[in-house]
Amino acid sequence: MHTVLIVDDQADIRRMMNFTLRDEFSLLEAADGVAALALIRQHKPDVVLLDIMMPGGMDGLQVLETIRSDPALQNIRVIMISARGQVQDCELGIKSGANAYFVKPFSPAQLLAAIHEQIAVLKKP
């Protein structure tokens, strides 16, 4: 079973994603960037659903930068999730190394499809 890490400071968003994904994936959750990085390093999930705006010392873009700069983590697929929906926000997420970018609110079905797309990329030789 593939592992997905849900990273969002809003508990209701994490609950919604957990409910949507729990039948198909092994799930991990973090409410901030520091906790997310600890889980990423320990479990090396297949996909990370990563909120951009989070309180604390590390936002989603900083987490993404850390993932992409670490050779042991570079192959993890990252889907950025944010309330920021401007074109420049999406472009920044993709340029920073995100594999996909979702704007809140989003359809659970679309998110599930995007995760399956990212896992399919992992399976390709």
PDB file of N, CA and C in Angstrom:
ATOM      1  N   MET A   1       0.849  -1.175   0.000  1.00  0.00           N
ATOM      2  CA  MET A   1       0.000   0.000   0.000  1.00  0.00           C
ATOM      3  C   MET A   1       0.899   1.244   0.000  1.00  0.00           C
ATOM      4  N   HIS A   2       0.567   2.195  -0.831  1.00  0.00           N
ATOM      5  CA  HIS A   2       1.339   3.437  -0.923  1.00  0.00           C
ATOM      6  C   HIS A   2       1.031   4.339   0.270  1.00  0.00           C
ATOM      7  N   THR A   3       2.019   5.137   0.632  1.00  0.00           N
ATOM      8  CA  THR A   3       1.883   6.031   1.783  1.00  0.00           C
ATOM      9  C   THR A   3       1.759   7.471   1.316  1.00  0.00           C
ATOM     10  N   VAL A   4       0.787   8.178   1.905  1.00  0.00           N
ATOM     11  CA  VAL A   4       0.550   9.588   1.618  1.00  0.00           C
ATOM     12  C   VAL A   4       0.643  10.359   2.931  1.00  0.00           C
ATOM     13  N   LEU A   5       1.418  11.436   2.915  1.00  0.00           N
ATOM     14  CA  LEU A   5       1.517  12.328   4.068  1.00  0.00           C
ATOM     15  C   LEU A   5       0.666  13.559   3.800  1.00  0.00           C
ATOM     16  N   ILE A   6      -0.252  13.841   4.709  1.00  0.00           N
ATOM     17  CA  ILE A   6      -1.118  15.017   4.631  1.00  0.00           C
ATOM     18  C   ILE A   6      -0.531  16.078   5.555  1.00  0.00           C
ATOM     19  N   VAL A   7      -0.178  17.241   4.991  1.00  0.00           N
ATOM     20  CA  VAL A   7       0.409  18.319   5.789  1.00  0.00           C
ATOM     21  C   VAL A   7      -0.457  19.561   5.644  1.00  0.00           C
ATOM     22  N   ASP A   8      -1.179  19.902   6.706  1.00  0.00           N
ATOM     23  CA  ASP A   8      -2.032  21.087   6.703  1.00  0.00           C
ATOM     24  C   ASP A   8      -2.257  21.501   8.145  1.00  0.00           C
ATOM     25  N   ASP A   9      -2.197  22.797   8.415  1.00  0.00           N
ATOM     26  CA  ASP A   9      -2.399  23.267   9.782  1.00  0.00           C
ATOM     27  C   ASP A   9      -3.870  23.266  10.180  1.00  0.00           C
ATOM     28  N   GLN A  10      -4.784  23.112   9.229  1.00  0.00           N
ATOM     29  CA  GLN A  10      -6.215  23.098   9.529  1.00  0.00           C
ATOM     30  C   GLN A  10      -6.692  21.656   9.712  1.00  0.00           C
ATOM     31  N   ALA A  11      -7.126  21.348  10.932  1.00  0.00           N
ATOM     32  CA  ALA A  11      -7.543  19.982  11.260  1.00  0.00           C
ATOM     33  C   ALA A  11      -8.706  19.513  10.394  1.00  0.00           C
ATOM     34  N   ASP A  12      -9.634  20.406  10.050  1.00  0.00           N
ATOM     35  CA  ASP A  12     -10.781  19.994   9.233  1.00  0.00           C
ATOM     36  C   ASP A  12     -10.353  19.594   7.822  1.00  0.00           C
ATOM     37  N   ILE A  13      -9.359  20.252   7.278  1.00  0.00           N
ATOM     38  CA  ILE A  13      -8.838  19.880   5.955  1.00  0.00           C
ATOM     39  C   ILE A  13      -8.157  18.516   6.036  1.00  0.00           C
ATOM     40  N   ARG A  14      -7.364  18.302   7.081  1.00  0.00           N
ATOM     41  CA  ARG A  14      -6.717  16.992   7.252  1.00  0.00           C
ATOM     42  C   ARG A  14      -7.763  15.884   7.394  1.00  0.00           C
ATOM     43  N   ARG A  15      -8.825  16.154   8.157  1.00  0.00           N
ATOM     44  CA  ARG A  15      -9.893  15.150   8.331  1.00  0.00           C
ATOM     45  C   ARG A  15     -10.557  14.810   7.004  1.00  0.00           C
ATOM     46  N   MET A  16     -10.859  15.847   6.198  1.00  0.00           N
ATOM     47  CA  MET A  16     -11.507  15.627   4.904  1.00  0.00           C
ATOM     48  C   MET A  16     -10.615  14.789   3.998  1.00  0.00           C
ATOM     49  N   MET A  17      -9.330  15.120   3.955  1.00  0.00           N
ATOM     50  CA  MET A  17      -8.409  14.360   3.110  1.00  0.00           C
ATOM     51  C   MET A  17      -8.253  12.933   3.635  1.00  0.00           C
ATOM     52  N   ASN A  18      -8.177  12.779   4.939  1.00  0.00           N
ATOM     53  CA  ASN A  18      -8.056  11.454   5.539  1.00  0.00           C
ATOM     54  C   ASN A  18      -9.267  10.601   5.177  1.00  0.00           C
ATOM     55  N   PHE A  19     -10.458  11.168   5.297  1.00  0.00           N
ATOM     56  CA  PHE A  19     -11.685  10.447   4.965  1.00  0.00           C
ATOM     57  C   PHE A  19     -11.690  10.018   3.498  1.00  0.00           C
ATOM     58  N   THR A  20     -11.225  10.902   2.623  1.00  0.00           N
ATOM     59  CA  THR A  20     -11.202  10.630   1.183  1.00  0.00           C
ATOM     60  C   THR A  20     -10.193   9.547   0.821  1.00  0.00           C
ATOM     61  N   LEU A  21      -9.072   9.508   1.509  1.00  0.00           N
ATOM     62  CA  LEU A  21      -7.939   8.674   1.086  1.00  0.00           C
ATOM     63  C   LEU A  21      -7.736   7.393   1.893  1.00  0.00           C
ATOM     64  N   ARG A  22      -8.338   7.279   3.052  1.00  0.00           N
ATOM     65  CA  ARG A  22      -7.981   6.201   3.985  1.00  0.00           C
ATOM     66  C   ARG A  22      -8.240   4.788   3.485  1.00  0.00           C
ATOM     67  N   ASP A  23      -9.173   4.620   2.559  1.00  0.00           N
ATOM     68  CA  ASP A  23      -9.452   3.272   2.050  1.00  0.00           C
ATOM     69  C   ASP A  23      -8.405   2.792   1.045  1.00  0.00           C
ATOM     70  N   GLU A  24      -7.656   3.724   0.458  1.00  0.00           N
ATOM     71  CA  GLU A  24      -6.717   3.360  -0.606  1.00  0.00           C
ATOM     72  C   GLU A  24      -5.241   3.502  -0.243  1.00  0.00           C
ATOM     73  N   PHE A  25      -4.953   4.255   0.811  1.00  0.00           N
ATOM     74  CA  PHE A  25      -3.560   4.560   1.124  1.00  0.00           C
ATOM     75  C   PHE A  25      -3.285   4.443   2.617  1.00  0.00           C
ATOM     76  N   SER A  26      -2.034   4.202   2.931  1.00  0.00           N
ATOM     77  CA  SER A  26      -1.563   4.319   4.305  1.00  0.00           C
ATOM     78  C   SER A  26      -1.308   5.807   4.525  1.00  0.00           C
ATOM     79  N   LEU A  27      -1.868   6.376   5.585  1.00  0.00           N
ATOM     80  CA  LEU A  27      -1.816   7.825   5.763  1.00  0.00           C
ATOM     81  C   LEU A  27      -1.001   8.237   6.980  1.00  0.00           C
ATOM     82  N   LEU A  28      -0.305   9.354   6.813  1.00  0.00           N
ATOM     83  CA  LEU A  28       0.392  10.041   7.895  1.00  0.00           C
ATOM     84  C   LEU A  28      -0.114  11.476   7.888  1.00  0.00           C
ATOM     85  N   GLU A  29      -0.066  12.146   9.039  1.00  0.00           N
ATOM     86  CA  GLU A  29      -0.520  13.532   9.109  1.00  0.00           C
ATOM     87  C   GLU A  29       0.452  14.385   9.901  1.00  0.00           C
ATOM     88  N   ALA A  30       0.569  15.646   9.476  1.00  0.00           N
ATOM     89  CA  ALA A  30       1.361  16.637  10.206  1.00  0.00           C
ATOM     90  C   ALA A  30       0.651  17.981  10.106  1.00  0.00           C
ATOM     91  N   ALA A  31       0.765  18.784  11.171  1.00  0.00           N
ATOM     92  CA  ALA A  31       0.104  20.083  11.211  1.00  0.00           C
ATOM     93  C   ALA A  31       1.050  21.242  10.928  1.00  0.00           C
ATOM     94  N   ASP A  32       2.342  20.955  10.776  1.00  0.00           N
ATOM     95  CA  ASP A  32       3.297  22.028  10.482  1.00  0.00           C
ATOM     96  C   ASP A  32       4.491  21.465   9.713  1.00  0.00           C
ATOM     97  N   GLY A  33       5.306  22.365   9.204  1.00  0.00           N
ATOM     98  CA  GLY A  33       6.428  21.967   8.366  1.00  0.00           C
ATOM     99  C   GLY A  33       7.504  21.176   9.080  1.00  0.00           C
ATOM    100  N   VAL A  34       7.781  21.519  10.317  1.00  0.00           N
ATOM    101  CA  VAL A  34       8.824  20.821  11.066  1.00  0.00           C
ATOM    102  C   VAL A  34       8.417  19.368  11.310  1.00  0.00           C
ATOM    103  N   ALA A  35       7.175  19.165  11.750  1.00  0.00           N
ATOM    104  CA  ALA A  35       6.678  17.798  11.966  1.00  0.00           C
ATOM    105  C   ALA A  35       6.626  17.035  10.650  1.00  0.00           C
ATOM    106  N   ALA A  36       6.257  17.729   9.573  1.00  0.00           N
ATOM    107  CA  ALA A  36       6.196  17.087   8.257  1.00  0.00           C
ATOM    108  C   ALA A  36       7.564  16.559   7.849  1.00  0.00           C
ATOM    109  N   LEU A  37       8.592  17.380   7.993  1.00  0.00           N
ATOM    110  CA  LEU A  37       9.936  16.938   7.602  1.00  0.00           C
ATOM    111  C   LEU A  37      10.409  15.743   8.421  1.00  0.00           C
ATOM    112  N   ALA A  38      10.073  15.726   9.696  1.00  0.00           N
ATOM    113  CA  ALA A  38      10.446  14.580  10.534  1.00  0.00           C
ATOM    114  C   ALA A  38       9.785  13.306  10.006  1.00  0.00           C
ATOM    115  N   LEU A  39       8.491  13.389   9.658  1.00  0.00           N
ATOM    116  CA  LEU A  39       7.784  12.221   9.123  1.00  0.00           C
ATOM    117  C   LEU A  39       8.312  11.829   7.747  1.00  0.00           C
ATOM    118  N   ILE A  40       8.632  12.820   6.927  1.00  0.00           N
ATOM    119  CA  ILE A  40       9.164  12.543   5.587  1.00  0.00           C
ATOM    120  C   ILE A  40      10.494  11.798   5.696  1.00  0.00           C
ATOM    121  N   ARG A  41      11.353  12.266   6.558  1.00  0.00           N
ATOM    122  CA  ARG A  41      12.662  11.614   6.714  1.00  0.00           C
ATOM    123  C   ARG A  41      12.528  10.205   7.293  1.00  0.00           C
ATOM    124  N   GLN A  42      11.585  10.019   8.206  1.00  0.00           N
ATOM    125  CA  GLN A  42      11.416   8.722   8.855  1.00  0.00           C
ATOM    126  C   GLN A  42      10.715   7.705   7.951  1.00  0.00           C
ATOM    127  N   HIS A  43       9.652   8.138   7.253  1.00  0.00           N
ATOM    128  CA  HIS A  43       8.800   7.197   6.518  1.00  0.00           C
ATOM    129  C   HIS A  43       8.969   7.230   5.001  1.00  0.00           C
ATOM    130  N   LYS A  44       9.548   8.296   4.468  1.00  0.00           N
ATOM    131  CA  LYS A  44       9.701   8.465   3.016  1.00  0.00           C
ATOM    132  C   LYS A  44       8.401   8.109   2.276  1.00  0.00           C
ATOM    133  N   PRO A  45       7.351   8.908   2.487  1.00  0.00           N
ATOM    134  CA  PRO A  45       6.067   8.623   1.832  1.00  0.00           C
ATOM    135  C   PRO A  45       6.189   8.725   0.313  1.00  0.00           C
ATOM    136  N   ASP A  46       5.260   8.088  -0.382  1.00  0.00           N
ATOM    137  CA  ASP A  46       5.246   8.152  -1.844  1.00  0.00           C
ATOM    138  C   ASP A  46       4.798   9.523  -2.325  1.00  0.00           C
ATOM    139  N   VAL A  47       3.789  10.082  -1.646  1.00  0.00           N
ATOM    140  CA  VAL A  47       3.215  11.371  -2.031  1.00  0.00           C
ATOM    141  C   VAL A  47       3.037  12.217  -0.771  1.00  0.00           C
ATOM    142  N   VAL A  48       3.344  13.513  -0.900  1.00  0.00           N
ATOM    143  CA  VAL A  48       3.100  14.472   0.176  1.00  0.00           C
ATOM    144  C   VAL A  48       2.096  15.494  -0.328  1.00  0.00           C
ATOM    145  N   LEU A  49       1.006  15.664   0.415  1.00  0.00           N
ATOM    146  CA  LEU A  49       0.031  16.720   0.151  1.00  0.00           C
ATOM    147  C   LEU A  49       0.414  17.861   1.075  1.00  0.00           C
ATOM    148  N   LEU A  50       0.908  18.952   0.506  1.00  0.00           N
ATOM    149  CA  LEU A  50       1.610  19.966   1.288  1.00  0.00           C
ATOM    150  C   LEU A  50       0.961  21.337   1.179  1.00  0.00           C
ATOM    151  N   ASP A  51       0.401  21.803   2.286  1.00  0.00           N
ATOM    152  CA  ASP A  51      -0.144  23.155   2.364  1.00  0.00           C
ATOM    153  C   ASP A  51       1.019  24.146   2.315  1.00  0.00           C
ATOM    154  N   ILE A  52       0.784  25.306   1.732  1.00  0.00           N
ATOM    155  CA  ILE A  52       1.850  26.304   1.655  1.00  0.00           C
ATOM    156  C   ILE A  52       1.902  27.156   2.915  1.00  0.00           C
ATOM    157  N   MET A  53       0.760  27.728   3.279  1.00  0.00           N
ATOM    158  CA  MET A  53       0.735  28.668   4.403  1.00  0.00           C
ATOM    159  C   MET A  53       0.478  27.916   5.706  1.00  0.00           C
ATOM    160  N   MET A  54       1.528  27.821   6.519  1.00  0.00           N
ATOM    161  CA  MET A  54       1.415  27.158   7.819  1.00  0.00           C
ATOM    162  C   MET A  54       2.167  27.977   8.852  1.00  0.00           C
ATOM    163  N   PRO A  55       1.680  27.949  10.090  1.00  0.00           N
ATOM    164  CA  PRO A  55       2.382  28.681  11.143  1.00  0.00           C
ATOM    165  C   PRO A  55       3.663  27.963  11.545  1.00  0.00           C
ATOM    166  N   GLY A  56       4.461  28.645  12.323  1.00  0.00           N
ATOM    167  CA  GLY A  56       5.685  28.018  12.817  1.00  0.00           C
ATOM    168  C   GLY A  56       6.881  28.438  11.993  1.00  0.00           C
ATOM    169  N   GLY A  57       7.960  27.724  12.176  1.00  0.00           N
ATOM    170  CA  GLY A  57       9.219  28.111  11.574  1.00  0.00           C
ATOM    171  C   GLY A  57       9.405  27.712  10.134  1.00  0.00           C
ATOM    172  N   MET A  58       8.476  26.942   9.558  1.00  0.00           N
ATOM    173  CA  MET A  58       8.712  26.433   8.213  1.00  0.00           C
ATOM    174  C   MET A  58       7.390  26.338   7.438  1.00  0.00           C
ATOM    175  N   ASP A  59       7.297  27.076   6.320  1.00  0.00           N
ATOM    176  CA  ASP A  59       6.090  26.972   5.499  1.00  0.00           C
ATOM    177  C   ASP A  59       6.257  25.860   4.462  1.00  0.00           C
ATOM    178  N   GLY A  60       5.222  25.647   3.669  1.00  0.00           N
ATOM    179  CA  GLY A  60       5.245  24.560   2.701  1.00  0.00           C
ATOM    180  C   GLY A  60       6.328  24.691   1.645  1.00  0.00           C
ATOM    181  N   LEU A  61       6.599  25.905   1.200  1.00  0.00           N
ATOM    182  CA  LEU A  61       7.651  26.088   0.196  1.00  0.00           C
ATOM    183  C   LEU A  61       9.026  25.744   0.764  1.00  0.00           C
ATOM    184  N   GLN A  62       9.244  26.050   2.030  1.00  0.00           N
ATOM    185  CA  GLN A  62      10.517  25.688   2.661  1.00  0.00           C
ATOM    186  C   GLN A  62      10.640  24.171   2.817  1.00  0.00           C
ATOM    187  N   VAL A  63       9.532  23.515   3.143  1.00  0.00           N
ATOM    188  CA  VAL A  63       9.539  22.048   3.228  1.00  0.00           C
ATOM    189  C   VAL A  63       9.859  21.467   1.856  1.00  0.00           C
ATOM    190  N   LEU A  64       9.205  21.998   0.825  1.00  0.00           N
ATOM    191  CA  LEU A  64       9.435  21.528  -0.537  1.00  0.00           C
ATOM    192  C   LEU A  64      10.897  21.719  -0.943  1.00  0.00           C
ATOM    193  N   GLU A  65      11.453  22.870  -0.638  1.00  0.00           N
ATOM    194  CA  GLU A  65      12.859  23.143  -0.962  1.00  0.00           C
ATOM    195  C   GLU A  65      13.781  22.127  -0.274  1.00  0.00           C
ATOM    196  N   THR A  66      13.473  21.801   0.961  1.00  0.00           N
ATOM    197  CA  THR A  66      14.275  20.821   1.702  1.00  0.00           C
ATOM    198  C   THR A  66      14.171  19.436   1.069  1.00  0.00           C
ATOM    199  N   ILE A  67      12.964  19.049   0.677  1.00  0.00           N
ATOM    200  CA  ILE A  67      12.763  17.748   0.021  1.00  0.00           C
ATOM    201  C   ILE A  67      13.577  17.681  -1.265  1.00  0.00           C
ATOM    202  N   ARG A  68      13.475  18.710  -2.079  1.00  0.00           N
ATOM    203  CA  ARG A  68      14.134  18.693  -3.385  1.00  0.00           C
ATOM    204  C   ARG A  68      15.655  18.796  -3.284  1.00  0.00           C
ATOM    205  N   SER A  69      16.166  19.320  -2.182  1.00  0.00           N
ATOM    206  CA  SER A  69      17.619  19.454  -2.049  1.00  0.00           C
ATOM    207  C   SER A  69      18.275  18.239  -1.382  1.00  0.00           C
ATOM    208  N   ASP A  70      17.473  17.290  -0.922  1.00  0.00           N
ATOM    209  CA  ASP A  70      18.002  16.101  -0.247  1.00  0.00           C
ATOM    210  C   ASP A  70      17.926  14.905  -1.196  1.00  0.00           C
ATOM    211  N   PRO A  71      19.064  14.369  -1.632  1.00  0.00           N
ATOM    212  CA  PRO A  71      19.058  13.244  -2.576  1.00  0.00           C
ATOM    213  C   PRO A  71      18.237  12.042  -2.102  1.00  0.00           C
ATOM    214  N   ALA A  72      18.138  11.843  -0.803  1.00  0.00           N
ATOM    215  CA  ALA A  72      17.377  10.708  -0.277  1.00  0.00           C
ATOM    216  C   ALA A  72      15.866  10.919  -0.382  1.00  0.00           C
ATOM    217  N   LEU A  73      15.445  12.162  -0.623  1.00  0.00           N
ATOM    218  CA  LEU A  73      14.014  12.486  -0.648  1.00  0.00           C
ATOM    219  C   LEU A  73      13.525  12.983  -2.002  1.00  0.00           C
ATOM    220  N   GLN A  74      14.426  13.224  -2.936  1.00  0.00           N
ATOM    221  CA  GLN A  74      14.081  13.889  -4.194  1.00  0.00           C
ATOM    222  C   GLN A  74      12.987  13.208  -5.004  1.00  0.00           C
ATOM    223  N   ASN A  75      12.835  11.907  -4.876  1.00  0.00           N
ATOM    224  CA  ASN A  75      11.845  11.195  -5.691  1.00  0.00           C
ATOM    225  C   ASN A  75      10.442  11.216  -5.110  1.00  0.00           C
ATOM    226  N   ILE A  76      10.271  11.781  -3.935  1.00  0.00           N
ATOM    227  CA  ILE A  76       8.937  11.884  -3.340  1.00  0.00           C
ATOM    228  C   ILE A  76       8.110  12.852  -4.175  1.00  0.00           C
ATOM    229  N   ARG A  77       6.898  12.446  -4.501  1.00  0.00           N
ATOM    230  CA  ARG A  77       5.992  13.293  -5.282  1.00  0.00           C
ATOM    231  C   ARG A  77       5.296  14.261  -4.329  1.00  0.00           C
ATOM    232  N   VAL A  78       5.217  15.533  -4.717  1.00  0.00           N
ATOM    233  CA  VAL A  78       4.637  16.560  -3.856  1.00  0.00           C
ATOM    234  C   VAL A  78       3.512  17.276  -4.590  1.00  0.00           C
ATOM    235  N   ILE A  79       2.351  17.303  -3.956  1.00  0.00           N
ATOM    236  CA  ILE A  79       1.205  18.058  -4.452  1.00  0.00           C
ATOM    237  C   ILE A  79       0.997  19.217  -3.483  1.00  0.00           C
ATOM    238  N   MET A  80       1.199  20.439  -3.972  1.00  0.00           N
ATOM    239  CA  MET A  80       0.993  21.629  -3.147  1.00  0.00           C
ATOM    240  C   MET A  80      -0.502  21.918  -3.073  1.00  0.00           C
ATOM    241  N   ILE A  81      -0.933  22.351  -1.898  1.00  0.00           N
ATOM    242  CA  ILE A  81      -2.337  22.690  -1.674  1.00  0.00           C
ATOM    243  C   ILE A  81      -2.364  24.037  -0.976  1.00  0.00           C
ATOM    244  N   SER A  82      -3.115  24.992  -1.555  1.00  0.00           N
ATOM    245  CA  SER A  82      -3.094  26.332  -0.983  1.00  0.00           C
ATOM    246  C   SER A  82      -4.379  27.086  -1.272  1.00  0.00           C
ATOM    247  N   ALA A  83      -4.668  28.046  -0.414  1.00  0.00           N
ATOM    248  CA  ALA A  83      -5.764  28.972  -0.673  1.00  0.00           C
ATOM    249  C   ALA A  83      -5.332  30.026  -1.688  1.00  0.00           C
ATOM    250  N   ARG A  84      -4.031  30.119  -1.932  1.00  0.00           N
ATOM    251  CA  ARG A  84      -3.500  31.084  -2.896  1.00  0.00           C
ATOM    252  C   ARG A  84      -3.705  30.547  -4.307  1.00  0.00           C
ATOM    253  N   GLY A  85      -4.587  31.203  -5.052  1.00  0.00           N
ATOM    254  CA  GLY A  85      -4.929  30.693  -6.366  1.00  0.00           C
ATOM    255  C   GLY A  85      -4.492  31.555  -7.531  1.00  0.00           C
ATOM    256  N   GLN A  86      -3.689  32.572  -7.271  1.00  0.00           N
ATOM    257  CA  GLN A  86      -3.212  33.413  -8.359  1.00  0.00           C
ATOM    258  C   GLN A  86      -2.239  32.627  -9.235  1.00  0.00           C
ATOM    259  N   VAL A  87      -2.167  32.985 -10.505  1.00  0.00           N
ATOM    260  CA  VAL A  87      -1.291  32.289 -11.444  1.00  0.00           C
ATOM    261  C   VAL A  87       0.150  32.280 -10.937  1.00  0.00           C
ATOM    262  N   GLN A  88       0.620  33.418 -10.413  1.00  0.00           N
ATOM    263  CA  GLN A  88       2.006  33.480  -9.946  1.00  0.00           C
ATOM    264  C   GLN A  88       2.249  32.549  -8.751  1.00  0.00           C
ATOM    265  N   ASP A  89       1.226  32.323  -7.927  1.00  0.00           N
ATOM    266  CA  ASP A  89       1.375  31.390  -6.804  1.00  0.00           C
ATOM    267  C   ASP A  89       1.548  29.964  -7.313  1.00  0.00           C
ATOM    268  N   CYS A  90       0.715  29.584  -8.281  1.00  0.00           N
ATOM    269  CA  CYS A  90       0.815  28.244  -8.875  1.00  0.00           C
ATOM    270  C   CYS A  90       2.170  28.061  -9.549  1.00  0.00           C
ATOM    271  N   GLU A  91       2.589  29.063 -10.307  1.00  0.00           N
ATOM    272  CA  GLU A  91       3.884  28.985 -10.994  1.00  0.00           C
ATOM    273  C   GLU A  91       5.032  28.854 -10.002  1.00  0.00           C
ATOM    274  N   LEU A  92       4.964  29.591  -8.899  1.00  0.00           N
ATOM    275  CA  LEU A  92       6.019  29.510  -7.887  1.00  0.00           C
ATOM    276  C   LEU A  92       6.085  28.106  -7.291  1.00  0.00           C
ATOM    277  N   GLY A  93       4.921  27.522  -7.009  1.00  0.00           N
ATOM    278  CA  GLY A  93       4.894  26.164  -6.469  1.00  0.00           C
ATOM    279  C   GLY A  93       5.521  25.159  -7.417  1.00  0.00           C
ATOM    280  N   ILE A  94       5.166  25.252  -8.687  1.00  0.00           N
ATOM    281  CA  ILE A  94       5.706  24.320  -9.688  1.00  0.00           C
ATOM    282  C   ILE A  94       7.203  24.570  -9.896  1.00  0.00           C
ATOM    283  N   LYS A  95       7.598  25.836 -10.000  1.00  0.00           N
ATOM    284  CA  LYS A  95       9.027  26.156 -10.173  1.00  0.00           C
ATOM    285  C   LYS A  95       9.856  25.714  -8.970  1.00  0.00           C
ATOM    286  N   SER A  96       9.236  25.685  -7.803  1.00  0.00           N
ATOM    287  CA  SER A  96       9.941  25.265  -6.589  1.00  0.00           C
ATOM    288  C   SER A  96      10.084  23.753  -6.492  1.00  0.00           C
ATOM    289  N   GLY A  97       9.392  23.037  -7.387  1.00  0.00           N
ATOM    290  CA  GLY A  97       9.551  21.587  -7.405  1.00  0.00           C
ATOM    291  C   GLY A  97       8.306  20.776  -7.144  1.00  0.00           C
ATOM    292  N   ALA A  98       7.157  21.427  -6.976  1.00  0.00           N
ATOM    293  CA  ALA A  98       5.916  20.673  -6.784  1.00  0.00           C
ATOM    294  C   ALA A  98       5.564  19.935  -8.073  1.00  0.00           C
ATOM    295  N   ASN A  99       4.991  18.759  -7.928  1.00  0.00           N
ATOM    296  CA  ASN A  99       4.571  17.982  -9.090  1.00  0.00           C
ATOM    297  C   ASN A  99       3.169  18.352  -9.543  1.00  0.00           C
ATOM    298  N   ALA A 100       2.392  18.962  -8.652  1.00  0.00           N
ATOM    299  CA  ALA A 100       1.041  19.433  -8.972  1.00  0.00           C
ATOM    300  C   ALA A 100       0.676  20.501  -7.951  1.00  0.00           C
ATOM    301  N   TYR A 101      -0.365  21.292  -8.271  1.00  0.00           N
ATOM    302  CA  TYR A 101      -0.770  22.400  -7.406  1.00  0.00           C
ATOM    303  C   TYR A 101      -2.289  22.449  -7.377  1.00  0.00           C
ATOM    304  N   PHE A 102      -2.876  22.394  -6.190  1.00  0.00           N
ATOM    305  CA  PHE A 102      -4.324  22.474  -6.020  1.00  0.00           C
ATOM    306  C   PHE A 102      -4.670  23.720  -5.228  1.00  0.00           C
ATOM    307  N   VAL A 103      -5.771  24.369  -5.620  1.00  0.00           N
ATOM    308  CA  VAL A 103      -6.254  25.546  -4.916  1.00  0.00           C
ATOM    309  C   VAL A 103      -7.468  25.135  -4.081  1.00  0.00           C
ATOM    310  N   LYS A 104      -7.460  25.526  -2.796  1.00  0.00           N
ATOM    311  CA  LYS A 104      -8.600  25.270  -1.915  1.00  0.00           C
ATOM    312  C   LYS A 104      -9.727  26.218  -2.286  1.00  0.00           C
ATOM    313  N   PRO A 105     -10.972  25.789  -2.229  1.00  0.00           N
ATOM    314  CA  PRO A 105     -11.412  24.412  -2.013  1.00  0.00           C
ATOM    315  C   PRO A 105     -11.239  23.600  -3.295  1.00  0.00           C
ATOM    316  N   PHE A 106     -11.090  22.308  -3.144  1.00  0.00           N
ATOM    317  CA  PHE A 106     -10.906  21.425  -4.292  1.00  0.00           C
ATOM    318  C   PHE A 106     -11.794  20.205  -4.118  1.00  0.00           C
ATOM    319  N   SER A 107     -11.999  19.506  -5.207  1.00  0.00           N
ATOM    320  CA  SER A 107     -12.825  18.306  -5.195  1.00  0.00           C
ATOM    321  C   SER A 107     -12.014  17.126  -4.671  1.00  0.00           C
ATOM    322  N   PRO A 108     -12.545  16.381  -3.707  1.00  0.00           N
ATOM    323  CA  PRO A 108     -11.846  15.179  -3.247  1.00  0.00           C
ATOM    324  C   PRO A 108     -11.554  14.201  -4.387  1.00  0.00           C
ATOM    325  N   ALA A 109     -12.467  14.100  -5.340  1.00  0.00           N
ATOM    326  CA  ALA A 109     -12.253  13.196  -6.478  1.00  0.00           C
ATOM    327  C   ALA A 109     -11.062  13.649  -7.323  1.00  0.00           C
ATOM    328  N   GLN A 110     -10.918  14.954  -7.518  1.00  0.00           N
ATOM    329  CA  GLN A 110      -9.778  15.476  -8.274  1.00  0.00           C
ATOM    330  C   GLN A 110      -8.468  15.201  -7.539  1.00  0.00           C
ATOM    331  N   LEU A 111      -8.487  15.365  -6.228  1.00  0.00           N
ATOM    332  CA  LEU A 111      -7.290  15.098  -5.436  1.00  0.00           C
ATOM    333  C   LEU A 111      -6.899  13.625  -5.534  1.00  0.00           C
ATOM    334  N   LEU A 112      -7.864  12.753  -5.414  1.00  0.00           N
ATOM    335  CA  LEU A 112      -7.610  11.316  -5.515  1.00  0.00           C
ATOM    336  C   LEU A 112      -7.014  10.971  -6.876  1.00  0.00           C
ATOM    337  N   ALA A 113      -7.571  11.552  -7.934  1.00  0.00           N
ATOM    338  CA  ALA A 113      -7.045  11.309  -9.284  1.00  0.00           C
ATOM    339  C   ALA A 113      -5.603  11.806  -9.407  1.00  0.00           C
ATOM    340  N   ALA A 114      -5.314  12.965  -8.826  1.00  0.00           N
ATOM    341  CA  ALA A 114      -3.953  13.514  -8.892  1.00  0.00           C
ATOM    342  C   ALA A 114      -2.960  12.625  -8.146  1.00  0.00           C
ATOM    343  N   ILE A 115      -3.370  12.079  -7.023  1.00  0.00           N
ATOM    344  CA  ILE A 115      -2.482  11.176  -6.275  1.00  0.00           C
ATOM    345  C   ILE A 115      -2.195   9.932  -7.102  1.00  0.00           C
ATOM    346  N   HIS A 116      -3.231   9.380  -7.722  1.00  0.00           N
ATOM    347  CA  HIS A 116      -3.027   8.200  -8.569  1.00  0.00           C
ATOM    348  C   HIS A 116      -2.085   8.517  -9.736  1.00  0.00           C
ATOM    349  N   GLU A 117      -2.200   9.715 -10.310  1.00  0.00           N
ATOM    350  CA  GLU A 117      -1.292  10.121 -11.391  1.00  0.00           C
ATOM    351  C   GLU A 117       0.152  10.159 -10.891  1.00  0.00           C
ATOM    352  N   GLN A 118       0.362  10.704  -9.708  1.00  0.00           N
ATOM    353  CA  GLN A 118       1.722  10.804  -9.167  1.00  0.00           C
ATOM    354  C   GLN A 118       2.293   9.427  -8.849  1.00  0.00           C
ATOM    355  N   ILE A 119       1.467   8.538  -8.354  1.00  0.00           N
ATOM    356  CA  ILE A 119       1.930   7.173  -8.066  1.00  0.00           C
ATOM    357  C   ILE A 119       2.260   6.440  -9.362  1.00  0.00           C
ATOM    358  N   ALA A 120       1.484   6.692 -10.409  1.00  0.00           N
ATOM    359  CA  ALA A 120       1.776   6.072 -11.710  1.00  0.00           C
ATOM    360  C   ALA A 120       3.149   6.510 -12.212  1.00  0.00           C
ATOM    361  N   VAL A 121       3.512   7.765 -11.982  1.00  0.00           N
ATOM    362  CA  VAL A 121       4.833   8.260 -12.379  1.00  0.00           C
ATOM    363  C   VAL A 121       5.923   7.510 -11.614  1.00  0.00           C
ATOM    364  N   LEU A 122       5.691   7.250 -10.337  1.00  0.00           N
ATOM    365  CA  LEU A 122       6.671   6.518  -9.527  1.00  0.00           C
ATOM    366  C   LEU A 122       6.910   5.111 -10.057  1.00  0.00           C
ATOM    367  N   LYS A 123       5.872   4.508 -10.612  1.00  0.00           N
ATOM    368  CA  LYS A 123       5.966   3.123 -11.079  1.00  0.00           C
ATOM    369  C   LYS A 123       6.685   2.993 -12.410  1.00  0.00           C
ATOM    370  N   LYS A 124       6.785   4.092 -13.166  1.00  0.00           N
ATOM    371  CA  LYS A 124       7.444   4.028 -14.472  1.00  0.00           C
ATOM    372  C   LYS A 124       8.938   3.826 -14.297  1.00  0.00           C
ATOM    373  N   PRO A 125       9.537   2.976 -15.158  1.00  0.00           N
ATOM    374  CA  PRO A 125      10.984   2.722 -15.056  1.00  0.00           C
ATOM    375  C   PRO A 125      11.815   3.931 -15.448  1.00  0.00           C
TER     376      PRO A 125
END
